[in-house]
């Protein structure tokens, strides 16, 4: 590689590193949040590798002098060690999780689109052709609808709400972590599982609609469904983040991209766990039967209001929380630690 190609290939990343370095030099590392710090560390390591290459092949060039200056200005920061703070759970949920959600909006939106498209296909397909449901849904679901009753009735009649909440929470965790892990297939597995879940939900809704049971079906999912689906979309986005690191790492080495996006994906999953707990409790207690103070048609409205209130509150939190700059210490990460990590 000649000097011109070397510069053209790497100049944009060098400039990005220098811009971040100026911020740190002028305002201190507290101006960088945890993910910006991670980006800075990766850019630094890339520049250090480029400096070694330049010293070997272009030792007398101005490019080598430039890289030596930039890397040399960062080097003293490695020895300006600050005390490592323990991971602050409050800071994570107050800042890191909602910020990570917003940074991952492309992946989460893509996951949402895949699920919704598959759900529409399943809904319209079984609504127009109910026999198609037999190829998609479990036999007991189809048999229950054919008999004019919801398949969920027997489950809620046989098990107490707290047991169901725990069982549903466990099932939801399994789906969430599977969506994440399948990102390592390059996203193929994540897309398939999102599509399968969307197709199944849509097919169930379409079958119930065709049998005149659309009201009971939507009444059942109204309370827990919106929040539970939001978590599925977040988990699908986490899986797609891993997939992007493998398929399109961008300017990073694939291992660095996987480390960066993997950290983001894990934050999405960890942050979603409390939401799964809430969704499981709502599904086990509210979706399955009416409380004593709600009777008749009013219970359907109560379920709808519950679902909309929950998902509205969570979305407001995810979109608005953590808008200020997060201090590195609050995130449990120091500048030297990030720069020296391998």
C-alpha atoms as a PDB file:
ATOM      1  CA  UNK A   1       0.000   0.000   0.000  1.00  0.00           C
ATOM      2  CA  UNK A   2       1.419   3.393  -0.960  1.00  0.00           C
ATOM      3  CA  UNK A   3       1.229   6.485   1.235  1.00  0.00           C
ATOM      4  CA  UNK A   4      -1.714   8.103  -0.566  1.00  0.00           C
ATOM      5  CA  UNK A   5      -3.884   4.993  -0.224  1.00  0.00           C
ATOM      6  CA  UNK A   6      -2.849   4.599   3.404  1.00  0.00           C
ATOM      7  CA  UNK A   7      -3.956   8.157   4.174  1.00  0.00           C
ATOM      8  CA  UNK A   8      -7.185   7.922   2.169  1.00  0.00           C
ATOM      9  CA  UNK A   9      -8.199   4.707   3.912  1.00  0.00           C
ATOM     10  CA  UNK A  10      -7.590   5.904   7.473  1.00  0.00           C
ATOM     11  CA  UNK A  11      -7.768   9.700   7.526  1.00  0.00           C
ATOM     12  CA  UNK A  12     -11.422   9.909   8.576  1.00  0.00           C
ATOM     13  CA  UNK A  13     -10.799   7.795  11.671  1.00  0.00           C
ATOM     14  CA  UNK A  14      -7.690   9.783  12.602  1.00  0.00           C
ATOM     15  CA  UNK A  15      -9.676  12.999  12.441  1.00  0.00           C
ATOM     16  CA  UNK A  16     -12.461  11.507  14.560  1.00  0.00           C
ATOM     17  CA  UNK A  17      -9.880  10.465  17.155  1.00  0.00           C
ATOM     18  CA  UNK A  18      -8.296  13.911  17.225  1.00  0.00           C
ATOM     19  CA  UNK A  19     -11.681  15.581  17.693  1.00  0.00           C
ATOM     20  CA  UNK A  20     -12.446  13.357  20.679  1.00  0.00           C
ATOM     21  CA  UNK A  21      -8.969  13.945  22.050  1.00  0.00           C
ATOM     22  CA  UNK A  22      -9.463  17.722  21.940  1.00  0.00           C
ATOM     23  CA  UNK A  23     -12.665  17.351  23.963  1.00  0.00           C
ATOM     24  CA  UNK A  24     -10.842  15.286  26.601  1.00  0.00           C
ATOM     25  CA  UNK A  25      -7.897  17.697  26.742  1.00  0.00           C
ATOM     26  CA  UNK A  26     -10.108  20.776  27.065  1.00  0.00           C
ATOM     27  CA  UNK A  27     -12.923  19.520  29.281  1.00  0.00           C
ATOM     28  CA  UNK A  28     -11.713  16.274  30.815  1.00  0.00           C
ATOM     29  CA  UNK A  29     -12.909  12.700  30.231  1.00  0.00           C
ATOM     30  CA  UNK A  30     -16.136  13.362  32.134  1.00  0.00           C
ATOM     31  CA  UNK A  31     -17.491  14.946  28.954  1.00  0.00           C
ATOM     32  CA  UNK A  32     -17.586  11.503  27.332  1.00  0.00           C
ATOM     33  CA  UNK A  33     -20.273   9.023  28.214  1.00  0.00           C
ATOM     34  CA  UNK A  34     -19.475   5.312  28.430  1.00  0.00           C
ATOM     35  CA  UNK A  35     -20.094   4.513  24.777  1.00  0.00           C
ATOM     36  CA  UNK A  36     -18.247   7.590  23.475  1.00  0.00           C
ATOM     37  CA  UNK A  37     -15.349   6.535  25.666  1.00  0.00           C
ATOM     38  CA  UNK A  38     -15.434   3.054  24.157  1.00  0.00           C
ATOM     39  CA  UNK A  39     -15.371   4.552  20.646  1.00  0.00           C
ATOM     40  CA  UNK A  40     -12.430   6.721  21.654  1.00  0.00           C
ATOM     41  CA  UNK A  41     -10.558   3.671  22.921  1.00  0.00           C
ATOM     42  CA  UNK A  42     -11.093   1.763  19.678  1.00  0.00           C
ATOM     43  CA  UNK A  43      -9.981   4.753  17.601  1.00  0.00           C
ATOM     44  CA  UNK A  44      -6.870   5.065  19.735  1.00  0.00           C
ATOM     45  CA  UNK A  45      -5.936   1.426  19.307  1.00  0.00           C
ATOM     46  CA  UNK A  46      -6.485   1.693  15.559  1.00  0.00           C
ATOM     47  CA  UNK A  47      -4.278   4.793  15.392  1.00  0.00           C
ATOM     48  CA  UNK A  48      -1.564   3.025  17.404  1.00  0.00           C
ATOM     49  CA  UNK A  49      -1.607   0.157  14.894  1.00  0.00           C
ATOM     50  CA  UNK A  50      -1.459   2.659  12.025  1.00  0.00           C
ATOM     51  CA  UNK A  51       1.486   4.414  13.663  1.00  0.00           C
ATOM     52  CA  UNK A  52       3.401   1.147  13.858  1.00  0.00           C
ATOM     53  CA  UNK A  53       2.678   0.528  10.168  1.00  0.00           C
ATOM     54  CA  UNK A  54       3.700   4.070   9.219  1.00  0.00           C
ATOM     55  CA  UNK A  55       6.968   3.805  11.144  1.00  0.00           C
ATOM     56  CA  UNK A  56       7.759   0.650   9.193  1.00  0.00           C
ATOM     57  CA  UNK A  57       6.903   1.814   5.674  1.00  0.00           C
ATOM     58  CA  UNK A  58       6.766   5.637   5.779  1.00  0.00           C
ATOM     59  CA  UNK A  59       9.192   6.487   8.554  1.00  0.00           C
ATOM     60  CA  UNK A  60      10.184   9.920   7.212  1.00  0.00           C
ATOM     61  CA  UNK A  61       6.706  11.123   6.222  1.00  0.00           C
ATOM     62  CA  UNK A  62       4.635  13.864   7.810  1.00  0.00           C
ATOM     63  CA  UNK A  63       1.873  11.313   8.305  1.00  0.00           C
ATOM     64  CA  UNK A  64       4.094   9.396  10.713  1.00  0.00           C
ATOM     65  CA  UNK A  65       4.860  12.612  12.593  1.00  0.00           C
ATOM     66  CA  UNK A  66       1.148  13.414  12.789  1.00  0.00           C
ATOM     67  CA  UNK A  67       0.217   9.977  14.125  1.00  0.00           C
ATOM     68  CA  UNK A  68       3.100  10.039  16.574  1.00  0.00           C
ATOM     69  CA  UNK A  69       1.817  13.370  17.914  1.00  0.00           C
ATOM     70  CA  UNK A  70      -1.789  12.213  18.309  1.00  0.00           C
ATOM     71  CA  UNK A  71      -0.916   8.877  19.906  1.00  0.00           C
ATOM     72  CA  UNK A  72       1.695  10.557  22.079  1.00  0.00           C
ATOM     73  CA  UNK A  73      -0.873  13.016  23.444  1.00  0.00           C
ATOM     74  CA  UNK A  74      -3.114  10.142  24.493  1.00  0.00           C
ATOM     75  CA  UNK A  75      -0.348   8.061  26.065  1.00  0.00           C
ATOM     76  CA  UNK A  76      -0.064  10.142  29.295  1.00  0.00           C
ATOM     77  CA  UNK A  77      -3.759   9.589  29.895  1.00  0.00           C
ATOM     78  CA  UNK A  78      -2.992   5.916  30.427  1.00  0.00           C
ATOM     79  CA  UNK A  79      -1.167   6.771  33.625  1.00  0.00           C
ATOM     80  CA  UNK A  80      -3.690   9.271  34.926  1.00  0.00           C
ATOM     81  CA  UNK A  81      -5.552   6.515  36.697  1.00  0.00           C
ATOM     82  CA  UNK A  82      -8.720   7.287  38.546  1.00  0.00           C
ATOM     83  CA  UNK A  83     -10.285   5.088  41.181  1.00  0.00           C
ATOM     84  CA  UNK A  84     -12.630   2.580  39.648  1.00  0.00           C
ATOM     85  CA  UNK A  85     -16.157   2.937  40.906  1.00  0.00           C
ATOM     86  CA  UNK A  86     -18.425  -0.038  41.358  1.00  0.00           C
ATOM     87  CA  UNK A  87     -21.150  -0.465  38.802  1.00  0.00           C
ATOM     88  CA  UNK A  88     -23.965   1.865  39.777  1.00  0.00           C
ATOM     89  CA  UNK A  89     -27.272   0.122  39.139  1.00  0.00           C
ATOM     90  CA  UNK A  90     -29.215   3.344  39.602  1.00  0.00           C
ATOM     91  CA  UNK A  91     -27.006   5.152  37.095  1.00  0.00           C
ATOM     92  CA  UNK A  92     -27.404   2.288  34.625  1.00  0.00           C
ATOM     93  CA  UNK A  93     -31.192   2.497  34.613  1.00  0.00           C
ATOM     94  CA  UNK A  94     -31.249   6.262  34.909  1.00  0.00           C
ATOM     95  CA  UNK A  95     -28.826   6.930  32.032  1.00  0.00           C
ATOM     96  CA  UNK A  96     -27.081   4.010  30.340  1.00  0.00           C
ATOM     97  CA  UNK A  97     -30.065   1.852  29.437  1.00  0.00           C
ATOM     98  CA  UNK A  98     -32.258   4.580  27.907  1.00  0.00           C
ATOM     99  CA  UNK A  99     -29.259   6.021  26.055  1.00  0.00           C
ATOM    100  CA  UNK A 100     -28.371   2.608  24.683  1.00  0.00           C
ATOM    101  CA  UNK A 101     -31.978   2.147  23.577  1.00  0.00           C
ATOM    102  CA  UNK A 102     -31.852   5.417  21.638  1.00  0.00           C
ATOM    103  CA  UNK A 103     -28.480   4.641  20.066  1.00  0.00           C
ATOM    104  CA  UNK A 104     -29.838   1.296  18.904  1.00  0.00           C
ATOM    105  CA  UNK A 105     -32.987   2.728  17.342  1.00  0.00           C
ATOM    106  CA  UNK A 106     -32.163   1.465  13.849  1.00  0.00           C
ATOM    107  CA  UNK A 107     -31.786  -2.135  14.979  1.00  0.00           C
ATOM    108  CA  UNK A 108     -34.846  -1.980  17.235  1.00  0.00           C
ATOM    109  CA  UNK A 109     -36.941  -0.377  14.495  1.00  0.00           C
ATOM    110  CA  UNK A 110     -35.818  -3.057  12.047  1.00  0.00           C
ATOM    111  CA  UNK A 111     -36.749  -5.802  14.514  1.00  0.00           C
ATOM    112  CA  UNK A 112     -40.135  -4.162  15.046  1.00  0.00           C
ATOM    113  CA  UNK A 113     -40.761  -3.991  11.310  1.00  0.00           C
ATOM    114  CA  UNK A 114     -39.909  -7.673  10.818  1.00  0.00           C
ATOM    115  CA  UNK A 115     -42.247  -8.734  13.621  1.00  0.00           C
ATOM    116  CA  UNK A 116     -45.131  -6.497  12.535  1.00  0.00           C
ATOM    117  CA  UNK A 117     -44.865  -7.548   8.889  1.00  0.00           C
ATOM    118  CA  UNK A 118     -44.940 -11.228   9.851  1.00  0.00           C
ATOM    119  CA  UNK A 119     -47.874 -10.599  12.211  1.00  0.00           C
ATOM    120  CA  UNK A 120     -49.847  -8.917   9.425  1.00  0.00           C
ATOM    121  CA  UNK A 121     -49.172 -11.840   7.105  1.00  0.00           C
ATOM    122  CA  UNK A 122     -50.320 -14.303   9.772  1.00  0.00           C
ATOM    123  CA  UNK A 123     -53.391 -12.269  10.687  1.00  0.00           C
ATOM    124  CA  UNK A 124     -54.641 -11.673   7.150  1.00  0.00           C
ATOM    125  CA  UNK A 125     -53.795 -15.205   6.068  1.00  0.00           C
ATOM    126  CA  UNK A 126     -55.744 -16.983   8.802  1.00  0.00           C
ATOM    127  CA  UNK A 127     -58.579 -14.466   8.791  1.00  0.00           C
ATOM    128  CA  UNK A 128     -59.234 -15.115   5.108  1.00  0.00           C
ATOM    129  CA  UNK A 129     -58.345 -18.807   5.293  1.00  0.00           C
ATOM    130  CA  UNK A 130     -58.831 -20.200   8.828  1.00  0.00           C
ATOM    131  CA  UNK A 131     -57.616 -23.646   7.809  1.00  0.00           C
ATOM    132  CA  UNK A 132     -54.142 -22.154   7.351  1.00  0.00           C
ATOM    133  CA  UNK A 133     -53.947 -21.781  11.129  1.00  0.00           C
ATOM    134  CA  UNK A 134     -53.497 -25.534  11.462  1.00  0.00           C
ATOM    135  CA  UNK A 135     -50.099 -25.219   9.770  1.00  0.00           C
ATOM    136  CA  UNK A 136     -48.981 -22.425  12.100  1.00  0.00           C
ATOM    137  CA  UNK A 137     -50.611 -22.792  15.514  1.00  0.00           C
ATOM    138  CA  UNK A 138     -50.560 -25.683  18.018  1.00  0.00           C
ATOM    139  CA  UNK A 139     -53.435 -28.124  17.651  1.00  0.00           C
ATOM    140  CA  UNK A 140     -54.954 -27.339  21.062  1.00  0.00           C
ATOM    141  CA  UNK A 141     -55.228 -23.652  20.147  1.00  0.00           C
ATOM    142  CA  UNK A 142     -57.121 -24.415  16.941  1.00  0.00           C
ATOM    143  CA  UNK A 143     -59.359 -26.945  18.715  1.00  0.00           C
ATOM    144  CA  UNK A 144     -60.230 -24.462  21.474  1.00  0.00           C
ATOM    145  CA  UNK A 145     -61.188 -21.766  18.980  1.00  0.00           C
ATOM    146  CA  UNK A 146     -63.226 -24.280  16.973  1.00  0.00           C
ATOM    147  CA  UNK A 147     -65.074 -25.057  20.223  1.00  0.00           C
ATOM    148  CA  UNK A 148     -65.772 -21.359  20.748  1.00  0.00           C
ATOM    149  CA  UNK A 149     -63.519 -20.750  23.758  1.00  0.00           C
ATOM    150  CA  UNK A 150     -60.135 -19.204  24.425  1.00  0.00           C
ATOM    151  CA  UNK A 151     -57.330 -21.729  24.906  1.00  0.00           C
ATOM    152  CA  UNK A 152     -56.002 -19.621  27.783  1.00  0.00           C
ATOM    153  CA  UNK A 153     -59.033 -20.322  29.970  1.00  0.00           C
ATOM    154  CA  UNK A 154     -57.929 -23.802  31.010  1.00  0.00           C
ATOM    155  CA  UNK A 155     -54.429 -22.632  31.896  1.00  0.00           C
ATOM    156  CA  UNK A 156     -55.635 -19.838  34.160  1.00  0.00           C
ATOM    157  CA  UNK A 157     -58.236 -22.075  35.750  1.00  0.00           C
ATOM    158  CA  UNK A 158     -55.647 -24.682  36.771  1.00  0.00           C
ATOM    159  CA  UNK A 159     -52.750 -22.507  37.995  1.00  0.00           C
ATOM    160  CA  UNK A 160     -52.542 -19.615  40.483  1.00  0.00           C
ATOM    161  CA  UNK A 161     -51.511 -16.198  39.230  1.00  0.00           C
ATOM    162  CA  UNK A 162     -48.148 -16.087  41.019  1.00  0.00           C
ATOM    163  CA  UNK A 163     -47.123 -19.443  39.527  1.00  0.00           C
ATOM    164  CA  UNK A 164     -48.159 -18.314  36.057  1.00  0.00           C
ATOM    165  CA  UNK A 165     -46.255 -15.048  36.462  1.00  0.00           C
ATOM    166  CA  UNK A 166     -43.059 -16.941  37.270  1.00  0.00           C
ATOM    167  CA  UNK A 167     -43.622 -19.393  34.419  1.00  0.00           C
ATOM    168  CA  UNK A 168     -44.348 -16.654  31.900  1.00  0.00           C
ATOM    169  CA  UNK A 169     -41.334 -14.660  33.059  1.00  0.00           C
ATOM    170  CA  UNK A 170     -39.121 -17.709  32.509  1.00  0.00           C
ATOM    171  CA  UNK A 171     -40.522 -18.270  29.024  1.00  0.00           C
ATOM    172  CA  UNK A 172     -40.074 -14.626  28.094  1.00  0.00           C
ATOM    173  CA  UNK A 173     -36.471 -14.663  29.295  1.00  0.00           C
ATOM    174  CA  UNK A 174     -35.795 -17.692  27.103  1.00  0.00           C
ATOM    175  CA  UNK A 175     -37.146 -15.904  24.033  1.00  0.00           C
ATOM    176  CA  UNK A 176     -35.217 -12.739  24.879  1.00  0.00           C
ATOM    177  CA  UNK A 177     -31.852 -14.432  25.268  1.00  0.00           C
ATOM    178  CA  UNK A 178     -32.459 -16.614  22.224  1.00  0.00           C
ATOM    179  CA  UNK A 179     -33.063 -13.527  20.086  1.00  0.00           C
ATOM    180  CA  UNK A 180     -29.778 -12.118  21.365  1.00  0.00           C
ATOM    181  CA  UNK A 181     -27.760 -15.303  20.894  1.00  0.00           C
ATOM    182  CA  UNK A 182     -29.052 -15.856  17.364  1.00  0.00           C
ATOM    183  CA  UNK A 183     -27.433 -12.584  16.387  1.00  0.00           C
ATOM    184  CA  UNK A 184     -24.236 -14.631  16.158  1.00  0.00           C
ATOM    185  CA  UNK A 185     -25.721 -16.353  13.096  1.00  0.00           C
ATOM    186  CA  UNK A 186     -25.282 -13.096  11.227  1.00  0.00           C
ATOM    187  CA  UNK A 187     -28.841 -12.143  12.120  1.00  0.00           C
ATOM    188  CA  UNK A 188     -30.471 -14.986  10.187  1.00  0.00           C
ATOM    189  CA  UNK A 189     -31.659 -16.726  13.343  1.00  0.00           C
ATOM    190  CA  UNK A 190     -32.841 -13.493  14.954  1.00  0.00           C
ATOM    191  CA  UNK A 191     -34.855 -12.533  11.874  1.00  0.00           C
ATOM    192  CA  UNK A 192     -36.346 -16.028  11.683  1.00  0.00           C
ATOM    193  CA  UNK A 193     -37.405 -16.066  15.346  1.00  0.00           C
ATOM    194  CA  UNK A 194     -38.864 -12.559  15.129  1.00  0.00           C
ATOM    195  CA  UNK A 195     -40.802 -13.568  12.040  1.00  0.00           C
ATOM    196  CA  UNK A 196     -41.992 -16.807  13.615  1.00  0.00           C
ATOM    197  CA  UNK A 197     -43.259 -15.066  16.754  1.00  0.00           C
ATOM    198  CA  UNK A 198     -44.949 -12.366  14.716  1.00  0.00           C
ATOM    199  CA  UNK A 199     -46.535 -14.917  12.399  1.00  0.00           C
ATOM    200  CA  UNK A 200     -47.827 -16.932  15.362  1.00  0.00           C
ATOM    201  CA  UNK A 201     -49.355 -13.929  17.114  1.00  0.00           C
ATOM    202  CA  UNK A 202     -50.944 -12.687  13.908  1.00  0.00           C
ATOM    203  CA  UNK A 203     -52.296 -16.136  13.050  1.00  0.00           C
ATOM    204  CA  UNK A 204     -53.871 -16.468  16.495  1.00  0.00           C
ATOM    205  CA  UNK A 205     -55.524 -13.077  16.131  1.00  0.00           C
ATOM    206  CA  UNK A 206     -56.747 -13.829  12.617  1.00  0.00           C
ATOM    207  CA  UNK A 207     -58.150 -17.209  13.628  1.00  0.00           C
ATOM    208  CA  UNK A 208     -60.023 -15.711  16.578  1.00  0.00           C
ATOM    209  CA  UNK A 209     -61.351 -12.917  14.372  1.00  0.00           C
ATOM    210  CA  UNK A 210     -62.639 -15.374  11.773  1.00  0.00           C
ATOM    211  CA  UNK A 211     -64.394 -17.333  14.544  1.00  0.00           C
ATOM    212  CA  UNK A 212     -66.041 -14.240  16.003  1.00  0.00           C
ATOM    213  CA  UNK A 213     -63.707 -14.257  19.015  1.00  0.00           C
ATOM    214  CA  UNK A 214     -61.631 -11.214  18.162  1.00  0.00           C
ATOM    215  CA  UNK A 215     -62.897  -9.356  21.231  1.00  0.00           C
ATOM    216  CA  UNK A 216     -61.808 -11.972  23.794  1.00  0.00           C
ATOM    217  CA  UNK A 217     -58.433 -12.386  22.073  1.00  0.00           C
ATOM    218  CA  UNK A 218     -57.545  -8.695  22.038  1.00  0.00           C
ATOM    219  CA  UNK A 219     -58.948  -8.275  25.523  1.00  0.00           C
ATOM    220  CA  UNK A 220     -56.575 -10.982  26.720  1.00  0.00           C
ATOM    221  CA  UNK A 221     -53.433  -9.456  25.170  1.00  0.00           C
ATOM    222  CA  UNK A 222     -54.360  -5.815  25.842  1.00  0.00           C
ATOM    223  CA  UNK A 223     -52.881  -5.572  29.339  1.00  0.00           C
ATOM    224  CA  UNK A 224     -49.527  -7.329  28.977  1.00  0.00           C
ATOM    225  CA  UNK A 225     -49.078  -7.457  25.205  1.00  0.00           C
ATOM    226  CA  UNK A 226     -47.785  -3.930  24.478  1.00  0.00           C
ATOM    227  CA  UNK A 227     -45.027  -4.094  27.098  1.00  0.00           C
ATOM    228  CA  UNK A 228     -44.127  -7.690  26.287  1.00  0.00           C
ATOM    229  CA  UNK A 229     -43.855  -6.896  22.581  1.00  0.00           C
ATOM    230  CA  UNK A 230     -41.684  -3.868  23.312  1.00  0.00           C
ATOM    231  CA  UNK A 231     -39.235  -6.154  25.111  1.00  0.00           C
ATOM    232  CA  UNK A 232     -39.283  -8.571  22.164  1.00  0.00           C
ATOM    233  CA  UNK A 233     -38.467  -5.692  19.820  1.00  0.00           C
ATOM    234  CA  UNK A 234     -35.608  -4.555  22.077  1.00  0.00           C
ATOM    235  CA  UNK A 235     -34.230  -8.103  22.284  1.00  0.00           C
ATOM    236  CA  UNK A 236     -34.512  -8.475  18.523  1.00  0.00           C
ATOM    237  CA  UNK A 237     -32.636  -5.203  18.137  1.00  0.00           C
ATOM    238  CA  UNK A 238     -29.927  -6.523  20.462  1.00  0.00           C
ATOM    239  CA  UNK A 239     -29.543  -9.610  18.277  1.00  0.00           C
ATOM    240  CA  UNK A 240     -29.305  -7.445  15.163  1.00  0.00           C
ATOM    241  CA  UNK A 241     -26.615  -5.333  16.862  1.00  0.00           C
ATOM    242  CA  UNK A 242     -24.485  -8.467  17.192  1.00  0.00           C
ATOM    243  CA  UNK A 243     -25.264  -9.380  13.598  1.00  0.00           C
ATOM    244  CA  UNK A 244     -24.101  -5.981  12.341  1.00  0.00           C
ATOM    245  CA  UNK A 245     -20.777  -6.423  14.110  1.00  0.00           C
ATOM    246  CA  UNK A 246     -20.229  -9.645  12.175  1.00  0.00           C
ATOM    247  CA  UNK A 247     -21.709  -8.690   8.813  1.00  0.00           C
ATOM    248  CA  UNK A 248     -20.877  -4.976   8.577  1.00  0.00           C
ATOM    249  CA  UNK A 249     -18.230  -4.036  11.178  1.00  0.00           C
ATOM    250  CA  UNK A 250     -17.560  -0.720   9.443  1.00  0.00           C
ATOM    251  CA  UNK A 251     -14.170   0.846  10.162  1.00  0.00           C
ATOM    252  CA  UNK A 252     -13.497  -1.476  13.095  1.00  0.00           C
ATOM    253  CA  UNK A 253     -11.804  -4.806  13.168  1.00  0.00           C
ATOM    254  CA  UNK A 254     -14.493  -7.443  13.495  1.00  0.00           C
ATOM    255  CA  UNK A 255     -13.420  -8.321  17.029  1.00  0.00           C
ATOM    256  CA  UNK A 256     -13.553  -4.677  18.116  1.00  0.00           C
ATOM    257  CA  UNK A 257     -16.925  -4.175  16.457  1.00  0.00           C
ATOM    258  CA  UNK A 258     -18.260  -7.275  18.193  1.00  0.00           C
ATOM    259  CA  UNK A 259     -16.974  -6.023  21.534  1.00  0.00           C
ATOM    260  CA  UNK A 260     -18.546  -2.589  21.062  1.00  0.00           C
ATOM    261  CA  UNK A 261     -21.905  -3.746  19.727  1.00  0.00           C
ATOM    262  CA  UNK A 262     -21.912  -6.730  22.069  1.00  0.00           C
ATOM    263  CA  UNK A 263     -21.670  -4.431  25.064  1.00  0.00           C
ATOM    264  CA  UNK A 264     -24.565  -2.425  23.679  1.00  0.00           C
ATOM    265  CA  UNK A 265     -26.618  -5.581  23.102  1.00  0.00           C
ATOM    266  CA  UNK A 266     -26.025  -6.869  26.627  1.00  0.00           C
ATOM    267  CA  UNK A 267     -27.108  -3.519  28.073  1.00  0.00           C
ATOM    268  CA  UNK A 268     -30.345  -3.762  26.119  1.00  0.00           C
ATOM    269  CA  UNK A 269     -31.041  -7.243  27.472  1.00  0.00           C
ATOM    270  CA  UNK A 270     -30.106  -6.450  31.074  1.00  0.00           C
ATOM    271  CA  UNK A 271     -32.194  -3.290  31.015  1.00  0.00           C
ATOM    272  CA  UNK A 272     -35.178  -5.234  29.707  1.00  0.00           C
ATOM    273  CA  UNK A 273     -35.260  -7.725  32.576  1.00  0.00           C
ATOM    274  CA  UNK A 274     -37.371  -5.582  34.951  1.00  0.00           C
ATOM    275  CA  UNK A 275     -39.803  -4.962  32.098  1.00  0.00           C
ATOM    276  CA  UNK A 276     -40.198  -8.709  31.674  1.00  0.00           C
ATOM    277  CA  UNK A 277     -40.961  -9.063  35.377  1.00  0.00           C
ATOM    278  CA  UNK A 278     -43.714  -6.466  35.108  1.00  0.00           C
ATOM    279  CA  UNK A 279     -45.117  -8.026  31.925  1.00  0.00           C
ATOM    280  CA  UNK A 280     -45.126 -11.475  33.533  1.00  0.00           C
ATOM    281  CA  UNK A 281     -46.975 -10.236  36.623  1.00  0.00           C
ATOM    282  CA  UNK A 282     -49.550  -8.409  34.516  1.00  0.00           C
ATOM    283  CA  UNK A 283     -50.106 -11.432  32.280  1.00  0.00           C
ATOM    284  CA  UNK A 284     -50.348 -13.838  35.185  1.00  0.00           C
ATOM    285  CA  UNK A 285     -52.614 -11.719  37.379  1.00  0.00           C
ATOM    286  CA  UNK A 286     -54.521  -9.168  35.273  1.00  0.00           C
ATOM    287  CA  UNK A 287     -54.803 -10.763  31.840  1.00  0.00           C
ATOM    288  CA  UNK A 288     -56.128 -14.041  33.208  1.00  0.00           C
ATOM    289  CA  UNK A 289     -59.088 -12.881  35.274  1.00  0.00           C
ATOM    290  CA  UNK A 290     -60.959  -9.850  36.505  1.00  0.00           C
ATOM    291  CA  UNK A 291     -60.165  -8.426  39.941  1.00  0.00           C
ATOM    292  CA  UNK A 292     -63.068  -8.134  42.357  1.00  0.00           C
ATOM    293  CA  UNK A 293     -63.520  -4.410  41.841  1.00  0.00           C
ATOM    294  CA  UNK A 294     -63.894  -4.666  38.054  1.00  0.00           C
ATOM    295  CA  UNK A 295     -66.813  -6.483  36.483  1.00  0.00           C
ATOM    296  CA  UNK A 296     -68.400  -6.850  33.064  1.00  0.00           C
ATOM    297  CA  UNK A 297     -67.331  -4.776  30.089  1.00  0.00           C
ATOM    298  CA  UNK A 298     -65.408  -2.408  32.324  1.00  0.00           C
ATOM    299  CA  UNK A 299     -62.707  -5.018  32.699  1.00  0.00           C
ATOM    300  CA  UNK A 300     -61.881  -4.946  28.992  1.00  0.00           C
ATOM    301  CA  UNK A 301     -61.373  -1.198  29.233  1.00  0.00           C
ATOM    302  CA  UNK A 302     -59.262  -1.647  32.356  1.00  0.00           C
ATOM    303  CA  UNK A 303     -56.970  -4.057  30.507  1.00  0.00           C
ATOM    304  CA  UNK A 304     -56.574  -1.659  27.592  1.00  0.00           C
ATOM    305  CA  UNK A 305     -55.803   1.249  29.905  1.00  0.00           C
ATOM    306  CA  UNK A 306     -53.321  -0.891  31.820  1.00  0.00           C
ATOM    307  CA  UNK A 307     -51.467  -1.889  28.661  1.00  0.00           C
ATOM    308  CA  UNK A 308     -51.378   1.625  27.213  1.00  0.00           C
ATOM    309  CA  UNK A 309     -50.304   3.164  30.516  1.00  0.00           C
ATOM    310  CA  UNK A 310     -47.469   0.692  31.005  1.00  0.00           C
ATOM    311  CA  UNK A 311     -46.025   0.929  27.510  1.00  0.00           C
ATOM    312  CA  UNK A 312     -46.510   4.709  27.438  1.00  0.00           C
ATOM    313  CA  UNK A 313     -44.623   5.139  30.707  1.00  0.00           C
ATOM    314  CA  UNK A 314     -41.788   2.858  29.590  1.00  0.00           C
ATOM    315  CA  UNK A 315     -41.433   4.559  26.195  1.00  0.00           C
ATOM    316  CA  UNK A 316     -41.394   7.977  27.864  1.00  0.00           C
ATOM    317  CA  UNK A 317     -38.620   6.772  30.145  1.00  0.00           C
ATOM    318  CA  UNK A 318     -36.613   5.266  27.278  1.00  0.00           C
ATOM    319  CA  UNK A 319     -36.945   8.334  25.069  1.00  0.00           C
ATOM    320  CA  UNK A 320     -36.421  11.046  27.682  1.00  0.00           C
ATOM    321  CA  UNK A 321     -34.224   9.707  30.491  1.00  0.00           C
ATOM    322  CA  UNK A 322     -30.468  10.276  30.535  1.00  0.00           C
ATOM    323  CA  UNK A 323     -30.421  13.224  28.167  1.00  0.00           C
ATOM    324  CA  UNK A 324     -27.496  14.878  29.978  1.00  0.00           C
ATOM    325  CA  UNK A 325     -23.851  13.849  29.805  1.00  0.00           C
ATOM    326  CA  UNK A 326     -23.025  10.857  31.973  1.00  0.00           C
ATOM    327  CA  UNK A 327     -19.870  10.908  34.040  1.00  0.00           C
ATOM    328  CA  UNK A 328     -17.536   8.005  33.358  1.00  0.00           C
ATOM    329  CA  UNK A 329     -17.153   7.219  37.030  1.00  0.00           C
ATOM    330  CA  UNK A 330     -20.897   6.754  37.323  1.00  0.00           C
ATOM    331  CA  UNK A 331     -20.740   4.155  34.588  1.00  0.00           C
ATOM    332  CA  UNK A 332     -18.025   2.282  36.423  1.00  0.00           C
ATOM    333  CA  UNK A 333     -15.387   2.861  33.743  1.00  0.00           C
ATOM    334  CA  UNK A 334     -12.260   5.019  33.751  1.00  0.00           C
ATOM    335  CA  UNK A 335     -10.448   6.443  30.757  1.00  0.00           C
ATOM    336  CA  UNK A 336      -7.264   4.422  31.321  1.00  0.00           C
ATOM    337  CA  UNK A 337      -9.246   1.216  31.744  1.00  0.00           C
ATOM    338  CA  UNK A 338     -11.046   1.740  28.436  1.00  0.00           C
ATOM    339  CA  UNK A 339      -7.887   2.640  26.551  1.00  0.00           C
ATOM    340  CA  UNK A 340      -5.896  -0.289  27.885  1.00  0.00           C
ATOM    341  CA  UNK A 341      -8.600  -2.979  27.585  1.00  0.00           C
ATOM    342  CA  UNK A 342      -7.998  -5.710  25.039  1.00  0.00           C
END
